[in-house]
N, C-alpha and C. Protein backbone atom coordinates (compact mmCIF):
# COMPACT_ATOMS: atom_id res chain seq x y z
N MET A 1 187.38 10.07 127.38
CA MET A 1 187.40 9.54 126.04
C MET A 1 186.01 9.04 125.68
N SER A 2 185.24 9.90 125.06
CA SER A 2 183.85 9.59 124.79
C SER A 2 183.68 8.48 123.75
N HIS A 3 184.71 8.19 122.97
CA HIS A 3 184.58 7.14 121.95
C HIS A 3 184.77 5.73 122.51
N ILE A 4 185.29 5.62 123.72
CA ILE A 4 185.53 4.29 124.30
C ILE A 4 184.24 3.48 124.45
N PRO A 5 183.16 4.05 124.99
CA PRO A 5 181.94 3.23 125.09
C PRO A 5 181.47 2.72 123.73
N ARG A 6 181.52 3.54 122.70
CA ARG A 6 181.08 3.12 121.38
C ARG A 6 181.98 2.01 120.84
N ILE A 7 183.30 2.14 121.03
CA ILE A 7 184.23 1.12 120.56
C ILE A 7 183.90 -0.23 121.21
N LEU A 8 183.71 -0.21 122.52
CA LEU A 8 183.42 -1.46 123.24
C LEU A 8 182.05 -2.03 122.89
N GLN A 9 181.07 -1.16 122.66
CA GLN A 9 179.74 -1.65 122.30
C GLN A 9 179.70 -2.23 120.90
N ASP A 10 180.47 -1.66 119.99
CA ASP A 10 180.47 -2.13 118.60
C ASP A 10 181.35 -3.36 118.39
N ALA A 11 182.33 -3.55 119.23
CA ALA A 11 183.30 -4.64 119.05
C ALA A 11 182.71 -6.00 119.38
N ARG A 12 183.14 -7.00 118.63
CA ARG A 12 182.78 -8.38 118.91
C ARG A 12 184.03 -9.26 119.05
N ILE A 13 185.07 -8.94 118.27
CA ILE A 13 186.29 -9.75 118.27
C ILE A 13 187.46 -8.90 118.74
N ILE A 14 188.12 -9.37 119.79
CA ILE A 14 189.25 -8.65 120.36
C ILE A 14 190.48 -9.55 120.36
N ALA A 15 191.51 -9.13 119.62
CA ALA A 15 192.79 -9.84 119.66
C ALA A 15 193.59 -9.29 120.82
N ILE A 16 194.08 -10.15 121.66
CA ILE A 16 194.89 -9.72 122.80
C ILE A 16 196.33 -10.12 122.52
N VAL A 17 197.13 -9.10 122.21
CA VAL A 17 198.55 -9.30 121.89
C VAL A 17 199.33 -9.34 123.19
N GLY A 18 200.00 -10.46 123.42
CA GLY A 18 200.75 -10.63 124.65
C GLY A 18 199.96 -11.37 125.73
N LEU A 19 198.91 -12.08 125.32
CA LEU A 19 198.11 -12.83 126.28
C LEU A 19 198.97 -13.91 126.93
N SER A 20 198.92 -13.94 128.24
CA SER A 20 199.69 -14.92 129.02
C SER A 20 198.83 -16.12 129.37
N ASP A 21 199.48 -17.26 129.54
CA ASP A 21 198.77 -18.45 130.02
C ASP A 21 198.78 -18.53 131.54
N LYS A 22 199.37 -17.53 132.19
CA LYS A 22 199.43 -17.51 133.65
C LYS A 22 198.23 -16.72 134.21
N PRO A 23 197.36 -17.38 134.99
CA PRO A 23 196.15 -16.74 135.49
C PRO A 23 196.39 -15.47 136.31
N GLU A 24 197.56 -15.35 136.90
CA GLU A 24 197.83 -14.17 137.73
C GLU A 24 198.23 -12.93 136.93
N ARG A 25 198.44 -13.10 135.64
CA ARG A 25 198.83 -11.96 134.79
C ARG A 25 197.61 -11.16 134.36
N ALA A 26 197.79 -9.85 134.24
CA ALA A 26 196.68 -8.96 133.88
C ALA A 26 196.06 -9.34 132.54
N SER A 27 196.88 -9.72 131.56
CA SER A 27 196.34 -10.06 130.24
C SER A 27 195.38 -11.24 130.32
N HIS A 28 195.71 -12.21 131.15
CA HIS A 28 194.88 -13.40 131.32
C HIS A 28 193.56 -13.02 132.00
N GLU A 29 193.67 -12.21 133.04
CA GLU A 29 192.49 -11.77 133.78
C GLU A 29 191.54 -10.97 132.89
N VAL A 30 192.10 -10.06 132.11
CA VAL A 30 191.29 -9.24 131.20
C VAL A 30 190.63 -10.11 130.14
N ALA A 31 191.38 -11.03 129.56
CA ALA A 31 190.82 -11.92 128.54
C ALA A 31 189.67 -12.75 129.11
N GLU A 32 189.86 -13.28 130.29
CA GLU A 32 188.82 -14.08 130.93
C GLU A 32 187.56 -13.25 131.16
N TYR A 33 187.75 -12.02 131.61
CA TYR A 33 186.63 -11.10 131.82
C TYR A 33 185.90 -10.83 130.51
N LEU A 34 186.65 -10.51 129.46
CA LEU A 34 186.03 -10.18 128.17
C LEU A 34 185.26 -11.38 127.60
N ILE A 35 185.82 -12.57 127.71
CA ILE A 35 185.12 -13.78 127.26
C ILE A 35 183.81 -13.93 128.04
N GLY A 36 183.89 -13.70 129.34
CA GLY A 36 182.70 -13.80 130.19
C GLY A 36 181.63 -12.77 129.87
N HIS A 37 182.01 -11.74 129.15
CA HIS A 37 181.06 -10.69 128.78
C HIS A 37 180.72 -10.71 127.29
N GLY A 38 180.93 -11.87 126.66
CA GLY A 38 180.43 -12.09 125.32
C GLY A 38 181.34 -11.75 124.17
N TYR A 39 182.56 -11.32 124.44
CA TYR A 39 183.49 -11.02 123.35
C TYR A 39 184.19 -12.30 122.90
N GLN A 40 184.53 -12.35 121.63
CA GLN A 40 185.40 -13.42 121.12
C GLN A 40 186.83 -12.92 121.29
N VAL A 41 187.60 -13.59 122.10
CA VAL A 41 188.99 -13.21 122.35
C VAL A 41 189.90 -14.09 121.51
N VAL A 42 190.83 -13.43 120.83
CA VAL A 42 191.79 -14.12 119.98
C VAL A 42 193.19 -13.88 120.55
N PRO A 43 193.77 -14.89 121.19
CA PRO A 43 195.10 -14.72 121.78
C PRO A 43 196.20 -14.63 120.71
N VAL A 44 197.12 -13.69 120.90
CA VAL A 44 198.28 -13.56 120.01
C VAL A 44 199.53 -13.53 120.90
N ASN A 45 200.32 -14.57 120.78
CA ASN A 45 201.56 -14.67 121.56
C ASN A 45 202.44 -15.73 120.88
N PRO A 46 203.53 -15.31 120.22
CA PRO A 46 204.35 -16.28 119.49
C PRO A 46 204.92 -17.39 120.37
N ALA A 47 205.14 -17.10 121.64
CA ALA A 47 205.70 -18.12 122.53
C ALA A 47 204.70 -19.23 122.85
N LEU A 48 203.41 -18.95 122.66
CA LEU A 48 202.36 -19.94 122.98
C LEU A 48 201.60 -20.39 121.74
N ALA A 49 202.05 -20.00 120.56
CA ALA A 49 201.33 -20.30 119.31
C ALA A 49 201.00 -21.77 119.19
N GLY A 50 199.76 -22.04 118.79
CA GLY A 50 199.30 -23.40 118.62
C GLY A 50 198.71 -24.02 119.87
N GLN A 51 198.97 -23.41 121.02
CA GLN A 51 198.41 -23.91 122.27
C GLN A 51 197.02 -23.31 122.49
N GLN A 52 196.40 -23.71 123.58
CA GLN A 52 195.10 -23.17 123.97
C GLN A 52 195.27 -22.37 125.26
N VAL A 53 194.69 -21.19 125.28
CA VAL A 53 194.61 -20.40 126.51
C VAL A 53 193.16 -19.96 126.65
N LEU A 54 192.58 -20.25 127.80
CA LEU A 54 191.18 -19.95 128.06
C LEU A 54 190.27 -20.56 126.98
N GLY A 55 190.68 -21.73 126.50
CA GLY A 55 189.90 -22.44 125.51
C GLY A 55 189.99 -21.88 124.10
N GLN A 56 190.92 -20.93 123.90
CA GLN A 56 191.07 -20.30 122.59
C GLN A 56 192.44 -20.64 122.01
N ARG A 57 192.47 -20.91 120.70
CA ARG A 57 193.74 -21.19 120.02
C ARG A 57 194.58 -19.92 119.98
N VAL A 58 195.86 -20.07 120.32
CA VAL A 58 196.79 -18.94 120.32
C VAL A 58 197.48 -18.86 118.96
N PHE A 59 197.56 -17.64 118.43
CA PHE A 59 198.22 -17.40 117.15
C PHE A 59 199.55 -16.69 117.38
N ALA A 60 200.47 -16.91 116.46
CA ALA A 60 201.80 -16.31 116.57
C ALA A 60 201.77 -14.82 116.22
N THR A 61 200.90 -14.43 115.28
CA THR A 61 200.85 -13.05 114.81
C THR A 61 199.41 -12.61 114.59
N LEU A 62 199.22 -11.30 114.51
CA LEU A 62 197.91 -10.76 114.16
C LEU A 62 197.49 -11.20 112.76
N THR A 63 198.46 -11.24 111.86
CA THR A 63 198.17 -11.63 110.48
C THR A 63 197.63 -13.06 110.43
N GLU A 64 198.26 -13.95 111.17
CA GLU A 64 197.81 -15.35 111.23
C GLU A 64 196.41 -15.43 111.83
N ALA A 65 196.18 -14.66 112.89
CA ALA A 65 194.86 -14.65 113.54
C ALA A 65 193.79 -14.12 112.59
N ALA A 66 194.08 -13.01 111.91
CA ALA A 66 193.11 -12.41 110.99
C ALA A 66 192.79 -13.36 109.85
N SER A 67 193.80 -14.06 109.36
CA SER A 67 193.59 -15.01 108.27
C SER A 67 192.66 -16.14 108.71
N ALA A 68 192.85 -16.62 109.93
CA ALA A 68 192.03 -17.72 110.45
C ALA A 68 190.58 -17.27 110.67
N LEU A 69 190.37 -16.00 110.94
CA LEU A 69 189.03 -15.48 111.22
C LEU A 69 188.27 -15.03 109.98
N ALA A 70 188.98 -14.82 108.88
CA ALA A 70 188.36 -14.28 107.67
C ALA A 70 187.11 -15.08 107.32
N PRO A 71 186.04 -14.41 106.91
CA PRO A 71 185.95 -13.00 106.52
C PRO A 71 185.65 -12.04 107.67
N GLN A 72 185.53 -12.56 108.89
CA GLN A 72 185.33 -11.66 110.03
C GLN A 72 186.60 -10.86 110.25
N ARG A 73 186.45 -9.68 110.86
CA ARG A 73 187.65 -8.89 111.13
C ARG A 73 187.85 -8.70 112.62
N ILE A 74 189.06 -8.43 112.99
CA ILE A 74 189.40 -8.12 114.38
C ILE A 74 189.00 -6.67 114.63
N ASP A 75 188.11 -6.47 115.61
CA ASP A 75 187.62 -5.14 115.90
C ASP A 75 188.62 -4.33 116.74
N ILE A 76 189.20 -4.98 117.74
CA ILE A 76 190.15 -4.31 118.64
C ILE A 76 191.41 -5.15 118.75
N VAL A 77 192.56 -4.48 118.60
CA VAL A 77 193.85 -5.10 118.89
C VAL A 77 194.28 -4.54 120.24
N ASP A 78 194.14 -5.36 121.28
CA ASP A 78 194.38 -4.96 122.67
C ASP A 78 195.81 -5.38 123.05
N CYS A 79 196.66 -4.40 123.32
CA CYS A 79 198.10 -4.66 123.45
C CYS A 79 198.58 -4.69 124.90
N PHE A 80 199.07 -5.84 125.30
CA PHE A 80 199.74 -6.03 126.59
C PHE A 80 201.23 -6.19 126.33
N ARG A 81 201.83 -5.17 125.78
CA ARG A 81 203.27 -5.17 125.47
C ARG A 81 203.85 -3.86 125.95
N LYS A 82 205.16 -3.79 126.04
CA LYS A 82 205.83 -2.55 126.44
C LYS A 82 205.61 -1.49 125.38
N SER A 83 205.58 -0.24 125.82
CA SER A 83 205.36 0.88 124.90
C SER A 83 206.30 0.84 123.71
N GLU A 84 207.57 0.49 123.95
CA GLU A 84 208.55 0.50 122.87
C GLU A 84 208.36 -0.63 121.86
N ASP A 85 207.49 -1.59 122.18
CA ASP A 85 207.23 -2.71 121.27
C ASP A 85 205.99 -2.53 120.40
N ILE A 86 205.35 -1.38 120.48
CA ILE A 86 204.03 -1.22 119.88
C ILE A 86 204.04 -0.88 118.39
N VAL A 87 205.07 -0.19 117.89
CA VAL A 87 205.05 0.25 116.48
C VAL A 87 204.82 -0.92 115.52
N PRO A 88 205.55 -2.03 115.60
CA PRO A 88 205.28 -3.13 114.67
C PRO A 88 203.88 -3.71 114.82
N ILE A 89 203.34 -3.68 116.02
CA ILE A 89 201.97 -4.17 116.25
C ILE A 89 200.99 -3.23 115.57
N ALA A 90 201.22 -1.94 115.67
CA ALA A 90 200.36 -0.96 115.00
C ALA A 90 200.41 -1.16 113.49
N GLN A 91 201.59 -1.38 112.97
CA GLN A 91 201.72 -1.61 111.52
C GLN A 91 200.96 -2.86 111.10
N GLU A 92 201.04 -3.90 111.89
CA GLU A 92 200.33 -5.13 111.57
C GLU A 92 198.81 -4.94 111.72
N ALA A 93 198.40 -4.17 112.72
CA ALA A 93 196.97 -3.87 112.90
C ALA A 93 196.43 -3.14 111.68
N VAL A 94 197.22 -2.24 111.12
CA VAL A 94 196.84 -1.54 109.89
C VAL A 94 196.73 -2.53 108.73
N THR A 95 197.71 -3.41 108.61
CA THR A 95 197.74 -4.39 107.52
C THR A 95 196.50 -5.28 107.53
N ILE A 96 196.04 -5.67 108.71
CA ILE A 96 194.87 -6.56 108.79
C ILE A 96 193.56 -5.78 108.82
N ALA A 97 193.64 -4.45 108.77
CA ALA A 97 192.44 -3.58 108.77
C ALA A 97 191.60 -3.76 110.03
N ALA A 98 192.27 -3.80 111.17
CA ALA A 98 191.57 -3.84 112.45
C ALA A 98 190.80 -2.52 112.63
N GLY A 99 189.87 -2.51 113.54
CA GLY A 99 189.10 -1.30 113.79
C GLY A 99 189.74 -0.35 114.77
N CYS A 100 190.48 -0.89 115.74
CA CYS A 100 191.01 -0.07 116.82
C CYS A 100 192.32 -0.65 117.33
N LEU A 101 193.26 0.23 117.61
CA LEU A 101 194.50 -0.14 118.31
C LEU A 101 194.32 0.33 119.75
N TRP A 102 194.31 -0.60 120.69
CA TRP A 102 194.06 -0.29 122.10
C TRP A 102 195.31 -0.64 122.89
N LEU A 103 195.88 0.34 123.55
CA LEU A 103 197.07 0.14 124.39
C LEU A 103 196.64 0.15 125.84
N GLN A 104 197.04 -0.88 126.55
CA GLN A 104 196.63 -1.06 127.94
C GLN A 104 197.21 0.01 128.88
N LEU A 105 196.83 -0.07 130.13
CA LEU A 105 197.30 0.88 131.15
C LEU A 105 198.82 1.01 131.12
N ASP A 106 199.29 2.23 131.18
CA ASP A 106 200.72 2.56 131.19
C ASP A 106 201.42 2.28 129.86
N VAL A 107 200.67 1.99 128.81
CA VAL A 107 201.26 1.77 127.49
C VAL A 107 200.88 2.96 126.61
N VAL A 108 201.90 3.73 126.22
CA VAL A 108 201.71 4.91 125.38
C VAL A 108 202.80 4.93 124.32
N ASN A 109 202.40 5.07 123.07
CA ASN A 109 203.36 5.19 121.99
C ASN A 109 202.73 6.06 120.90
N GLU A 110 203.17 7.32 120.87
CA GLU A 110 202.59 8.29 119.94
C GLU A 110 202.87 7.94 118.48
N GLU A 111 204.05 7.38 118.20
CA GLU A 111 204.36 6.99 116.82
C GLU A 111 203.40 5.90 116.34
N ALA A 112 203.16 4.90 117.18
CA ALA A 112 202.23 3.83 116.84
C ALA A 112 200.82 4.38 116.66
N ALA A 113 200.44 5.29 117.54
CA ALA A 113 199.11 5.90 117.44
C ALA A 113 198.96 6.65 116.12
N ALA A 114 199.98 7.38 115.72
CA ALA A 114 199.94 8.14 114.47
C ALA A 114 199.82 7.20 113.27
N ILE A 115 200.54 6.09 113.31
CA ILE A 115 200.47 5.10 112.23
C ILE A 115 199.04 4.56 112.12
N ALA A 116 198.47 4.20 113.25
CA ALA A 116 197.11 3.64 113.25
C ALA A 116 196.09 4.67 112.81
N ARG A 117 196.16 5.87 113.36
CA ARG A 117 195.19 6.92 113.00
C ARG A 117 195.28 7.27 111.52
N ALA A 118 196.49 7.34 110.99
CA ALA A 118 196.67 7.69 109.57
C ALA A 118 195.99 6.68 108.66
N ALA A 119 195.85 5.45 109.13
CA ALA A 119 195.20 4.40 108.34
C ALA A 119 193.71 4.27 108.66
N GLY A 120 193.21 5.14 109.53
CA GLY A 120 191.79 5.13 109.84
C GLY A 120 191.38 4.30 111.04
N LEU A 121 192.35 3.75 111.78
CA LEU A 121 192.01 3.00 112.98
C LEU A 121 191.75 3.97 114.13
N GLU A 122 190.87 3.59 115.01
CA GLU A 122 190.70 4.35 116.24
C GLU A 122 191.83 3.94 117.17
N VAL A 123 192.18 4.84 118.08
CA VAL A 123 193.28 4.57 119.00
C VAL A 123 192.86 4.91 120.42
N VAL A 124 193.15 3.99 121.33
CA VAL A 124 192.97 4.21 122.76
C VAL A 124 194.30 3.87 123.40
N MET A 125 194.81 4.78 124.23
CA MET A 125 196.08 4.52 124.93
C MET A 125 195.89 4.69 126.43
N ASP A 126 196.64 3.88 127.18
CA ASP A 126 196.69 4.00 128.64
C ASP A 126 195.33 3.78 129.29
N HIS A 127 194.57 2.82 128.75
CA HIS A 127 193.27 2.45 129.31
C HIS A 127 193.15 0.93 129.29
N CYS A 128 192.42 0.41 130.26
CA CYS A 128 192.20 -1.04 130.36
C CYS A 128 190.82 -1.39 129.82
N THR A 129 190.76 -2.36 128.92
CA THR A 129 189.47 -2.77 128.36
C THR A 129 188.53 -3.28 129.44
N LYS A 130 189.05 -4.01 130.42
CA LYS A 130 188.19 -4.54 131.48
C LYS A 130 187.62 -3.41 132.32
N ILE A 131 188.46 -2.48 132.73
CA ILE A 131 188.00 -1.36 133.56
C ILE A 131 186.99 -0.51 132.79
N GLU A 132 187.29 -0.22 131.54
CA GLU A 132 186.40 0.60 130.73
C GLU A 132 185.07 -0.11 130.49
N HIS A 133 185.11 -1.41 130.24
CA HIS A 133 183.87 -2.16 130.05
C HIS A 133 183.05 -2.19 131.34
N ARG A 134 183.70 -2.38 132.45
CA ARG A 134 183.01 -2.39 133.75
C ARG A 134 182.37 -1.04 134.01
N ASN A 135 183.08 0.06 133.70
CA ASN A 135 182.54 1.40 133.85
C ASN A 135 181.33 1.61 132.94
N LEU A 136 181.42 1.07 131.74
CA LEU A 136 180.32 1.16 130.78
C LEU A 136 179.09 0.46 131.33
N ALA A 137 179.28 -0.70 131.91
CA ALA A 137 178.17 -1.46 132.46
C ALA A 137 177.52 -0.71 133.62
N VAL A 138 178.30 0.02 134.40
CA VAL A 138 177.79 0.79 135.53
C VAL A 138 176.97 1.97 135.06
N THR A 139 177.41 2.62 133.98
CA THR A 139 176.74 3.83 133.50
C THR A 139 175.59 3.53 132.54
N ALA A 140 175.50 2.29 132.08
CA ALA A 140 174.45 1.96 131.10
C ALA A 140 173.09 1.80 131.76
C-alpha cells in the first residue's frame, strides 16, 4: 500500500475509536506510541467519555471530538473495533470530513470502505498504524 507512508507523513491528528484505558490493550499501546512520535491522539470511547487516557480527554463520539477540535480536522480515524461495527464509524468519519478511515489489523469491512471512499476519504484496512509508522521510520 504505497499511500500509507504519505497518509502517516501528512497526518497530525489521529482519533482512536475504541481506545482502552488498559495499558495491556493494543489500542492503548498504539496510542502511546503515536503520542510519543508527535501525533495528537484523540481518544473516542463512549464508556470512558469525559475521562483522561494518556493525558488526553476521551470523547463519546467522533462528532463530539471533531467539534472540540474545530477548526482543525481529524486526519485519521483509527478503528479498534470489530469489523461488523465499522459501518456507523465510517458514516461518522464522512460526516466530520476526516481524511482517512483506518481499520486496524484483522479489521476488514468492504461496505464501510465503500462508504468512506465514495465520500473522498482514503481507506486503509487490516494494517496497524504503529507497525506502519515504525516501518516508515526504518525506510526513511
